């Protein structure tokens, strides 16, 4: 990486540190309480790709993007999403142990996840009815996962297949 790219990457990470604090991303203790009452091995869940933890070096601990939880439990399709991401060799827990690369993919807005694009995909003829009320602004896989997990999983599979064929 060039020096300017390293500076830009460091700025991005710092912005996410601030955002995670503002949004009160859960830490390991909070996740263990949510997933309890029995023993919970977060290291094993992260290593097996069942939970995404993002390492915050300044805090010396993992924080967990909150969209992974649904009603205080792990989202039922979370492992599908993380498995789909892991089909890309750069997005496995081994290749990305600190979670930052996967987080970047998950929070980057994508035109194919806009309200309009998803409505067009769902329409039998490929053209959504009443589309004038739908936004064509790209949305992130993380945001869409909360409301349409299958669309986020499908995009992860598609991207992984594309990366594997390159």
N, C-alpha and C. Protein backbone atom coordinates (compact mmCIF):
# COMPACT_ATOMS: atom_id res chain seq x y z
N UNK A 1 0.83 -1.18 0.00
CA UNK A 1 0.00 0.00 0.00
C UNK A 1 0.87 1.24 0.00
N UNK A 2 0.42 2.23 -0.74
CA UNK A 2 1.11 3.51 -0.73
C UNK A 2 0.83 4.23 0.58
N UNK A 3 1.68 5.21 0.89
CA UNK A 3 1.53 5.93 2.15
C UNK A 3 0.19 6.65 2.25
N UNK A 4 -0.27 7.26 1.14
CA UNK A 4 -1.55 7.96 1.18
C UNK A 4 -2.71 6.99 1.38
N UNK A 5 -2.58 5.78 0.86
CA UNK A 5 -3.62 4.77 1.08
C UNK A 5 -3.64 4.32 2.53
N UNK A 6 -2.46 4.20 3.13
CA UNK A 6 -2.38 3.83 4.54
C UNK A 6 -2.99 4.91 5.43
N UNK A 7 -2.73 6.16 5.11
CA UNK A 7 -3.30 7.27 5.88
C UNK A 7 -4.82 7.25 5.75
N UNK A 8 -5.30 7.06 4.53
CA UNK A 8 -6.75 7.01 4.30
C UNK A 8 -7.38 5.84 5.06
N UNK A 9 -6.74 4.68 5.04
CA UNK A 9 -7.27 3.52 5.75
C UNK A 9 -7.30 3.77 7.26
N UNK A 10 -6.26 4.40 7.78
CA UNK A 10 -6.21 4.71 9.21
C UNK A 10 -7.31 5.70 9.60
N UNK A 11 -7.56 6.68 8.73
CA UNK A 11 -8.65 7.63 8.99
C UNK A 11 -9.99 6.92 9.02
N UNK A 12 -10.19 6.00 8.08
CA UNK A 12 -11.45 5.25 8.02
C UNK A 12 -11.64 4.45 9.31
N UNK A 13 -10.59 3.78 9.76
CA UNK A 13 -10.67 3.00 11.00
C UNK A 13 -10.98 3.92 12.18
N UNK A 14 -10.32 5.07 12.24
CA UNK A 14 -10.59 6.01 13.34
C UNK A 14 -12.03 6.49 13.33
N UNK A 15 -12.57 6.77 12.14
CA UNK A 15 -13.97 7.18 12.04
C UNK A 15 -14.89 6.08 12.57
N UNK A 16 -14.57 4.84 12.28
CA UNK A 16 -15.41 3.73 12.75
C UNK A 16 -15.26 3.51 14.25
N UNK A 17 -14.10 3.81 14.80
CA UNK A 17 -13.95 3.76 16.26
C UNK A 17 -14.93 4.73 16.90
N UNK A 18 -14.97 5.94 16.37
CA UNK A 18 -15.88 6.97 16.91
C UNK A 18 -17.33 6.55 16.71
N UNK A 19 -17.65 6.08 15.52
CA UNK A 19 -19.03 5.67 15.24
C UNK A 19 -19.48 4.54 16.15
N UNK A 20 -18.61 3.56 16.36
CA UNK A 20 -18.97 2.43 17.22
C UNK A 20 -19.23 2.89 18.65
N UNK A 21 -18.48 3.86 19.11
CA UNK A 21 -18.72 4.40 20.46
C UNK A 21 -20.04 5.15 20.52
N UNK A 22 -20.29 5.98 19.51
CA UNK A 22 -21.54 6.75 19.48
C UNK A 22 -22.74 5.80 19.42
N UNK A 23 -22.64 4.77 18.59
CA UNK A 23 -23.74 3.82 18.43
C UNK A 23 -23.76 2.76 19.52
N UNK A 24 -22.80 2.82 20.44
CA UNK A 24 -22.71 1.88 21.56
C UNK A 24 -22.71 0.43 21.09
N UNK A 25 -21.77 0.12 20.19
CA UNK A 25 -21.64 -1.27 19.76
C UNK A 25 -21.34 -2.13 20.98
N UNK A 26 -21.98 -3.28 21.07
CA UNK A 26 -21.73 -4.13 22.23
C UNK A 26 -20.30 -4.66 22.26
N UNK A 27 -19.80 -4.81 23.47
CA UNK A 27 -18.50 -5.44 23.66
C UNK A 27 -18.71 -6.91 23.99
N UNK A 28 -17.63 -7.61 24.26
CA UNK A 28 -17.72 -9.05 24.51
C UNK A 28 -18.61 -9.38 25.70
N UNK A 29 -18.48 -8.63 26.79
CA UNK A 29 -19.31 -8.90 27.98
C UNK A 29 -20.79 -8.79 27.66
N UNK A 30 -21.15 -7.78 26.89
CA UNK A 30 -22.56 -7.58 26.53
C UNK A 30 -23.07 -8.72 25.65
N UNK A 31 -22.24 -9.16 24.71
CA UNK A 31 -22.64 -10.27 23.82
C UNK A 31 -22.78 -11.55 24.63
N UNK A 32 -21.87 -11.80 25.54
CA UNK A 32 -21.94 -13.00 26.38
C UNK A 32 -23.23 -12.99 27.19
N UNK A 33 -23.58 -11.85 27.76
CA UNK A 33 -24.84 -11.76 28.52
C UNK A 33 -26.04 -12.02 27.62
N UNK A 34 -26.01 -11.48 26.41
CA UNK A 34 -27.14 -11.65 25.48
C UNK A 34 -27.28 -13.10 25.04
N UNK A 35 -26.16 -13.79 24.87
CA UNK A 35 -26.20 -15.16 24.36
C UNK A 35 -26.26 -16.21 25.46
N UNK A 36 -26.07 -15.79 26.70
CA UNK A 36 -26.08 -16.71 27.84
C UNK A 36 -27.40 -17.42 27.98
N UNK A 37 -27.68 -18.10 29.04
CA UNK A 37 -26.98 -18.09 30.31
C UNK A 37 -25.81 -19.07 30.38
N UNK A 38 -25.70 -20.00 29.46
CA UNK A 38 -24.61 -20.96 29.51
C UNK A 38 -23.30 -20.34 29.04
N UNK A 39 -22.24 -21.14 29.03
CA UNK A 39 -20.95 -20.64 28.59
C UNK A 39 -20.99 -20.26 27.10
N UNK A 40 -20.36 -19.16 26.78
CA UNK A 40 -20.30 -18.67 25.41
C UNK A 40 -18.83 -18.43 25.07
N UNK A 41 -18.34 -19.08 24.01
CA UNK A 41 -16.96 -18.93 23.58
C UNK A 41 -16.93 -18.01 22.36
N UNK A 42 -16.76 -16.72 22.61
CA UNK A 42 -16.78 -15.75 21.52
C UNK A 42 -15.62 -15.96 20.55
N UNK A 43 -14.48 -16.35 21.06
CA UNK A 43 -13.33 -16.61 20.18
C UNK A 43 -13.68 -17.71 19.19
N UNK A 44 -14.32 -18.76 19.66
CA UNK A 44 -14.70 -19.85 18.76
C UNK A 44 -15.77 -19.40 17.76
N UNK A 45 -16.72 -18.59 18.22
CA UNK A 45 -17.76 -18.08 17.31
C UNK A 45 -17.14 -17.20 16.23
N UNK A 46 -16.18 -16.36 16.60
CA UNK A 46 -15.52 -15.52 15.60
C UNK A 46 -14.69 -16.36 14.65
N UNK A 47 -13.91 -17.30 15.19
CA UNK A 47 -13.03 -18.13 14.37
C UNK A 47 -13.80 -19.03 13.41
N UNK A 48 -14.98 -19.45 13.81
CA UNK A 48 -15.78 -20.33 12.95
C UNK A 48 -16.67 -19.54 11.99
N UNK A 49 -16.61 -18.22 12.06
CA UNK A 49 -17.40 -17.40 11.16
C UNK A 49 -18.86 -17.32 11.52
N UNK A 50 -19.18 -17.51 12.77
CA UNK A 50 -20.58 -17.43 13.22
C UNK A 50 -20.92 -16.07 13.83
N UNK A 51 -19.90 -15.25 14.06
CA UNK A 51 -20.08 -13.93 14.66
C UNK A 51 -18.94 -13.04 14.17
N UNK A 52 -19.26 -11.82 13.80
CA UNK A 52 -18.23 -10.87 13.37
C UNK A 52 -17.86 -9.97 14.53
N UNK A 53 -16.62 -10.07 14.94
CA UNK A 53 -16.07 -9.16 15.92
C UNK A 53 -15.08 -8.25 15.22
N UNK A 54 -15.04 -6.99 15.62
CA UNK A 54 -14.12 -6.02 15.05
C UNK A 54 -13.18 -5.56 16.16
N UNK A 55 -11.88 -5.76 15.95
CA UNK A 55 -10.88 -5.46 16.97
C UNK A 55 -10.61 -3.96 17.01
N UNK A 56 -10.82 -3.38 18.18
CA UNK A 56 -10.54 -1.97 18.41
C UNK A 56 -9.25 -1.89 19.21
N UNK A 57 -8.14 -1.64 18.50
CA UNK A 57 -6.83 -1.73 19.14
C UNK A 57 -6.65 -0.72 20.27
N UNK A 58 -7.26 0.46 20.14
CA UNK A 58 -7.11 1.47 21.20
C UNK A 58 -7.81 1.04 22.49
N UNK A 59 -8.87 0.25 22.34
CA UNK A 59 -9.59 -0.26 23.51
C UNK A 59 -9.07 -1.63 23.93
N UNK A 60 -8.33 -2.26 23.03
CA UNK A 60 -7.80 -3.62 23.23
C UNK A 60 -8.93 -4.62 23.48
N UNK A 61 -9.97 -4.50 22.65
CA UNK A 61 -11.07 -5.45 22.76
C UNK A 61 -11.88 -5.46 21.46
N UNK A 62 -12.65 -6.53 21.32
CA UNK A 62 -13.57 -6.64 20.19
C UNK A 62 -14.87 -5.91 20.52
N UNK A 63 -15.45 -5.34 19.49
CA UNK A 63 -16.81 -4.82 19.53
C UNK A 63 -17.56 -5.51 18.40
N UNK A 64 -18.86 -5.54 18.53
CA UNK A 64 -19.69 -6.33 17.62
C UNK A 64 -20.75 -5.44 16.97
N UNK A 65 -20.72 -5.36 15.62
CA UNK A 65 -21.75 -4.56 14.96
C UNK A 65 -23.14 -5.01 15.41
N UNK A 66 -23.97 -4.08 15.86
CA UNK A 66 -25.25 -4.44 16.49
C UNK A 66 -26.26 -5.08 15.55
N UNK A 67 -26.13 -4.90 14.24
CA UNK A 67 -27.10 -5.49 13.32
C UNK A 67 -27.01 -7.02 13.30
N UNK A 68 -26.00 -7.58 13.94
CA UNK A 68 -25.88 -9.05 14.01
C UNK A 68 -26.89 -9.66 14.98
N UNK A 69 -27.45 -8.82 15.83
CA UNK A 69 -28.39 -9.29 16.84
C UNK A 69 -29.82 -8.98 16.41
N UNK A 70 -30.70 -9.89 16.74
CA UNK A 70 -32.13 -9.71 16.50
C UNK A 70 -32.85 -10.21 17.73
N UNK A 71 -33.56 -9.30 18.40
CA UNK A 71 -34.31 -9.66 19.60
C UNK A 71 -33.39 -10.26 20.67
N UNK A 72 -32.16 -9.72 20.78
CA UNK A 72 -31.22 -10.16 21.80
C UNK A 72 -30.51 -11.46 21.51
N UNK A 73 -30.70 -12.02 20.34
CA UNK A 73 -30.03 -13.26 19.93
C UNK A 73 -29.29 -12.98 18.63
N UNK A 74 -28.44 -13.93 18.22
CA UNK A 74 -27.80 -13.78 16.92
C UNK A 74 -28.87 -13.85 15.84
N UNK A 75 -28.76 -12.97 14.85
CA UNK A 75 -29.71 -12.96 13.74
C UNK A 75 -29.71 -14.35 13.11
N UNK A 76 -30.88 -14.92 12.81
CA UNK A 76 -30.95 -16.29 12.29
C UNK A 76 -30.18 -16.50 10.98
N UNK A 77 -30.01 -15.47 10.17
CA UNK A 77 -29.28 -15.63 8.91
C UNK A 77 -27.84 -15.10 8.98
N UNK A 78 -27.37 -14.77 10.17
CA UNK A 78 -26.02 -14.23 10.29
C UNK A 78 -24.98 -15.21 9.79
N UNK A 79 -25.09 -16.48 10.16
CA UNK A 79 -24.08 -17.43 9.71
C UNK A 79 -24.12 -17.60 8.20
N UNK A 80 -25.31 -17.49 7.57
CA UNK A 80 -25.40 -17.54 6.11
C UNK A 80 -24.62 -16.39 5.48
N UNK A 81 -24.77 -15.20 6.05
CA UNK A 81 -24.07 -14.02 5.53
C UNK A 81 -22.56 -14.18 5.69
N UNK A 82 -22.12 -14.55 6.87
CA UNK A 82 -20.68 -14.67 7.11
C UNK A 82 -20.08 -15.83 6.33
N UNK A 83 -20.83 -16.92 6.15
CA UNK A 83 -20.36 -18.03 5.30
C UNK A 83 -20.22 -17.57 3.85
N UNK A 84 -21.19 -16.80 3.37
CA UNK A 84 -21.13 -16.29 1.99
C UNK A 84 -19.92 -15.38 1.81
N UNK A 85 -19.67 -14.51 2.78
CA UNK A 85 -18.49 -13.66 2.71
C UNK A 85 -17.21 -14.49 2.69
N UNK A 86 -17.18 -15.54 3.50
CA UNK A 86 -15.98 -16.37 3.63
C UNK A 86 -15.68 -17.18 2.37
N UNK A 87 -16.63 -17.25 1.44
CA UNK A 87 -16.35 -17.91 0.16
C UNK A 87 -15.33 -17.09 -0.64
N UNK A 88 -15.15 -15.83 -0.28
CA UNK A 88 -14.08 -15.00 -0.82
C UNK A 88 -12.87 -15.23 0.09
N UNK A 89 -11.77 -15.76 -0.44
CA UNK A 89 -10.62 -16.09 0.42
C UNK A 89 -10.10 -14.93 1.27
N UNK A 90 -10.30 -13.71 0.85
CA UNK A 90 -9.84 -12.55 1.64
C UNK A 90 -10.77 -12.23 2.79
N UNK A 91 -11.95 -12.87 2.81
CA UNK A 91 -12.96 -12.52 3.81
C UNK A 91 -13.22 -13.64 4.81
N UNK A 92 -12.29 -14.54 4.95
CA UNK A 92 -12.44 -15.59 5.95
C UNK A 92 -12.01 -15.06 7.31
N UNK A 93 -12.45 -15.70 8.39
CA UNK A 93 -11.97 -15.27 9.71
C UNK A 93 -10.44 -15.37 9.83
N UNK A 94 -9.84 -16.35 9.15
CA UNK A 94 -8.39 -16.50 9.20
C UNK A 94 -7.69 -15.36 8.47
N UNK A 95 -8.22 -14.96 7.33
CA UNK A 95 -7.60 -13.89 6.53
C UNK A 95 -7.88 -12.51 7.12
N UNK A 96 -8.96 -12.38 7.85
CA UNK A 96 -9.39 -11.09 8.40
C UNK A 96 -9.73 -11.25 9.88
N UNK A 97 -8.73 -11.62 10.71
CA UNK A 97 -9.02 -11.92 12.12
C UNK A 97 -9.51 -10.71 12.92
N UNK A 98 -9.21 -9.51 12.47
CA UNK A 98 -9.65 -8.31 13.19
C UNK A 98 -10.98 -7.78 12.69
N UNK A 99 -11.51 -8.35 11.62
CA UNK A 99 -12.85 -8.03 11.14
C UNK A 99 -12.99 -6.78 10.31
N UNK A 100 -11.92 -6.02 10.11
CA UNK A 100 -12.05 -4.73 9.43
C UNK A 100 -12.37 -4.86 7.95
N UNK A 101 -11.81 -5.83 7.27
CA UNK A 101 -12.09 -5.99 5.84
C UNK A 101 -13.55 -6.37 5.62
N UNK A 102 -14.05 -7.30 6.43
CA UNK A 102 -15.46 -7.69 6.32
C UNK A 102 -16.37 -6.53 6.69
N UNK A 103 -16.00 -5.77 7.72
CA UNK A 103 -16.80 -4.60 8.08
C UNK A 103 -16.86 -3.62 6.91
N UNK A 104 -15.72 -3.38 6.27
CA UNK A 104 -15.71 -2.44 5.15
C UNK A 104 -16.68 -2.90 4.06
N UNK A 105 -16.66 -4.19 3.73
CA UNK A 105 -17.59 -4.70 2.71
C UNK A 105 -19.03 -4.49 3.18
N UNK A 106 -19.29 -4.76 4.42
CA UNK A 106 -20.66 -4.71 4.95
C UNK A 106 -21.23 -3.30 5.06
N UNK A 107 -20.39 -2.29 5.18
CA UNK A 107 -20.89 -0.93 5.37
C UNK A 107 -20.77 -0.05 4.12
N UNK A 108 -20.25 -0.61 3.05
CA UNK A 108 -20.11 0.16 1.81
C UNK A 108 -21.42 0.13 1.03
N UNK A 109 -22.01 1.30 0.76
CA UNK A 109 -23.27 1.33 0.01
C UNK A 109 -23.11 0.73 -1.39
N UNK A 110 -24.12 -0.02 -1.80
CA UNK A 110 -24.11 -0.68 -3.10
C UNK A 110 -25.38 -0.33 -3.86
N UNK A 111 -25.27 0.12 -5.11
CA UNK A 111 -26.45 0.44 -5.91
C UNK A 111 -27.41 -0.74 -6.06
N UNK A 112 -26.88 -1.95 -6.10
CA UNK A 112 -27.75 -3.13 -6.28
C UNK A 112 -28.64 -3.40 -5.07
N UNK A 113 -28.40 -2.69 -3.96
CA UNK A 113 -29.23 -2.85 -2.77
C UNK A 113 -30.16 -1.66 -2.54
N UNK A 114 -30.27 -0.78 -3.52
CA UNK A 114 -31.20 0.35 -3.37
C UNK A 114 -32.62 -0.19 -3.30
N UNK A 115 -33.52 0.62 -2.77
CA UNK A 115 -34.94 0.21 -2.71
C UNK A 115 -35.44 -0.13 -4.11
N UNK A 116 -35.09 0.71 -5.09
CA UNK A 116 -35.56 0.50 -6.46
C UNK A 116 -34.98 -0.77 -7.06
N UNK A 117 -33.68 -1.00 -6.89
CA UNK A 117 -33.05 -2.19 -7.46
C UNK A 117 -33.66 -3.47 -6.88
N UNK A 118 -33.88 -3.50 -5.56
CA UNK A 118 -34.46 -4.70 -4.95
C UNK A 118 -35.91 -4.90 -5.39
N UNK A 119 -36.65 -3.81 -5.54
CA UNK A 119 -38.04 -3.93 -6.01
C UNK A 119 -38.08 -4.42 -7.45
N UNK A 120 -37.17 -3.93 -8.29
CA UNK A 120 -37.10 -4.40 -9.67
C UNK A 120 -36.75 -5.89 -9.72
N UNK A 121 -35.82 -6.32 -8.87
CA UNK A 121 -35.44 -7.74 -8.83
C UNK A 121 -36.62 -8.61 -8.41
N UNK A 122 -37.44 -8.11 -7.51
CA UNK A 122 -38.57 -8.89 -7.00
C UNK A 122 -39.74 -8.92 -7.98
N UNK A 123 -39.83 -7.94 -8.86
CA UNK A 123 -40.95 -7.87 -9.81
C UNK A 123 -40.81 -8.96 -10.87
N UNK A 124 -41.92 -9.60 -11.20
CA UNK A 124 -41.88 -10.72 -12.15
C UNK A 124 -41.36 -10.29 -13.53
N UNK A 125 -41.64 -9.05 -13.93
CA UNK A 125 -41.16 -8.57 -15.23
C UNK A 125 -39.89 -7.73 -15.11
N UNK A 126 -39.33 -7.63 -13.91
CA UNK A 126 -38.10 -6.89 -13.70
C UNK A 126 -38.27 -5.39 -13.56
N UNK A 127 -39.53 -4.94 -13.52
CA UNK A 127 -39.80 -3.51 -13.36
C UNK A 127 -40.81 -3.34 -12.23
N UNK A 128 -40.38 -2.65 -11.19
CA UNK A 128 -41.24 -2.46 -10.01
C UNK A 128 -42.38 -1.51 -10.32
N UNK A 129 -43.55 -1.83 -9.81
CA UNK A 129 -44.68 -0.91 -9.90
C UNK A 129 -44.50 0.17 -8.83
N UNK A 130 -45.09 1.32 -9.06
CA UNK A 130 -45.00 2.44 -8.11
C UNK A 130 -43.56 2.78 -7.76
N UNK A 131 -42.68 2.69 -8.73
CA UNK A 131 -41.26 2.89 -8.46
C UNK A 131 -40.88 4.35 -8.21
N UNK A 132 -41.78 5.28 -8.49
CA UNK A 132 -41.44 6.70 -8.28
C UNK A 132 -41.23 7.02 -6.80
N UNK A 133 -41.75 6.21 -5.91
CA UNK A 133 -41.58 6.44 -4.47
C UNK A 133 -40.35 5.73 -3.90
N UNK A 134 -39.66 4.97 -4.74
CA UNK A 134 -38.52 4.19 -4.27
C UNK A 134 -37.21 4.92 -4.57
N UNK A 135 -36.31 4.86 -3.62
CA UNK A 135 -35.01 5.50 -3.78
C UNK A 135 -34.07 4.61 -4.58
N UNK A 136 -33.25 5.25 -5.41
CA UNK A 136 -32.22 4.50 -6.11
C UNK A 136 -30.84 4.74 -5.48
N UNK A 137 -30.83 5.30 -4.27
CA UNK A 137 -29.58 5.47 -3.53
C UNK A 137 -29.09 4.12 -3.04
N UNK A 138 -27.80 3.86 -3.23
CA UNK A 138 -27.23 2.62 -2.75
C UNK A 138 -27.34 2.51 -1.24
N UNK A 139 -27.49 1.29 -0.77
CA UNK A 139 -27.54 1.03 0.68
C UNK A 139 -26.49 -0.04 0.99
N UNK A 140 -26.05 -0.03 2.23
CA UNK A 140 -25.01 -0.99 2.64
C UNK A 140 -25.63 -2.36 2.91
N UNK A 141 -24.84 -3.43 2.69
CA UNK A 141 -25.32 -4.76 3.05
C UNK A 141 -25.74 -4.86 4.52
N UNK A 142 -25.04 -4.17 5.42
CA UNK A 142 -25.39 -4.22 6.84
C UNK A 142 -26.77 -3.62 7.08
N UNK A 143 -27.07 -2.49 6.44
CA UNK A 143 -28.38 -1.87 6.61
C UNK A 143 -29.49 -2.73 6.01
N UNK A 144 -29.23 -3.29 4.84
CA UNK A 144 -30.25 -4.11 4.17
C UNK A 144 -30.44 -5.43 4.91
N UNK A 145 -29.37 -5.96 5.51
CA UNK A 145 -29.46 -7.24 6.22
C UNK A 145 -30.54 -7.21 7.29
N UNK A 146 -30.71 -6.07 7.94
CA UNK A 146 -31.70 -5.95 9.01
C UNK A 146 -33.13 -6.09 8.50
N UNK A 147 -33.37 -5.73 7.24
CA UNK A 147 -34.74 -5.75 6.71
C UNK A 147 -34.95 -6.78 5.61
N UNK A 148 -33.88 -7.19 4.94
CA UNK A 148 -33.97 -8.18 3.86
C UNK A 148 -32.67 -8.97 3.83
N UNK A 149 -32.52 -9.86 4.79
CA UNK A 149 -31.25 -10.58 4.94
C UNK A 149 -30.89 -11.37 3.69
N UNK A 150 -31.89 -11.90 2.99
CA UNK A 150 -31.60 -12.71 1.80
C UNK A 150 -30.92 -11.89 0.71
N UNK A 151 -31.26 -10.61 0.58
CA UNK A 151 -30.62 -9.76 -0.43
C UNK A 151 -29.15 -9.54 -0.09
N UNK A 152 -28.84 -9.32 1.18
CA UNK A 152 -27.45 -9.12 1.59
C UNK A 152 -26.65 -10.40 1.41
N UNK A 153 -27.24 -11.54 1.74
CA UNK A 153 -26.56 -12.83 1.57
C UNK A 153 -26.32 -13.10 0.09
N UNK A 154 -27.31 -12.83 -0.75
CA UNK A 154 -27.16 -13.06 -2.19
C UNK A 154 -26.04 -12.20 -2.77
N UNK A 155 -25.94 -10.96 -2.33
CA UNK A 155 -24.86 -10.09 -2.80
C UNK A 155 -23.50 -10.62 -2.35
N UNK A 156 -23.40 -11.08 -1.12
CA UNK A 156 -22.14 -11.64 -0.62
C UNK A 156 -21.75 -12.86 -1.45
N UNK A 157 -22.71 -13.71 -1.76
CA UNK A 157 -22.42 -14.89 -2.60
C UNK A 157 -21.97 -14.47 -4.00
N UNK A 158 -22.67 -13.50 -4.56
CA UNK A 158 -22.32 -13.02 -5.90
C UNK A 158 -20.92 -12.42 -5.93
N UNK A 159 -20.61 -11.60 -4.96
CA UNK A 159 -19.28 -10.99 -4.91
C UNK A 159 -18.19 -12.05 -4.71
N UNK A 160 -18.45 -13.03 -3.86
CA UNK A 160 -17.47 -14.09 -3.61
C UNK A 160 -17.25 -14.91 -4.88
N UNK A 161 -18.33 -15.20 -5.61
CA UNK A 161 -18.20 -15.96 -6.86
C UNK A 161 -17.39 -15.15 -7.88
N UNK A 162 -17.66 -13.85 -7.94
CA UNK A 162 -16.92 -12.99 -8.86
C UNK A 162 -15.44 -12.96 -8.50
N UNK A 163 -15.14 -12.85 -7.21
CA UNK A 163 -13.74 -12.82 -6.77
C UNK A 163 -13.04 -14.15 -7.06
N UNK A 164 -13.76 -15.24 -6.92
CA UNK A 164 -13.17 -16.56 -7.16
C UNK A 164 -12.89 -16.78 -8.64
N UNK A 165 -13.67 -16.15 -9.51
CA UNK A 165 -13.48 -16.34 -10.94
C UNK A 165 -12.44 -15.38 -11.52
N UNK A 166 -12.04 -14.38 -10.73
CA UNK A 166 -11.07 -13.38 -11.23
C UNK A 166 -9.66 -13.93 -11.22
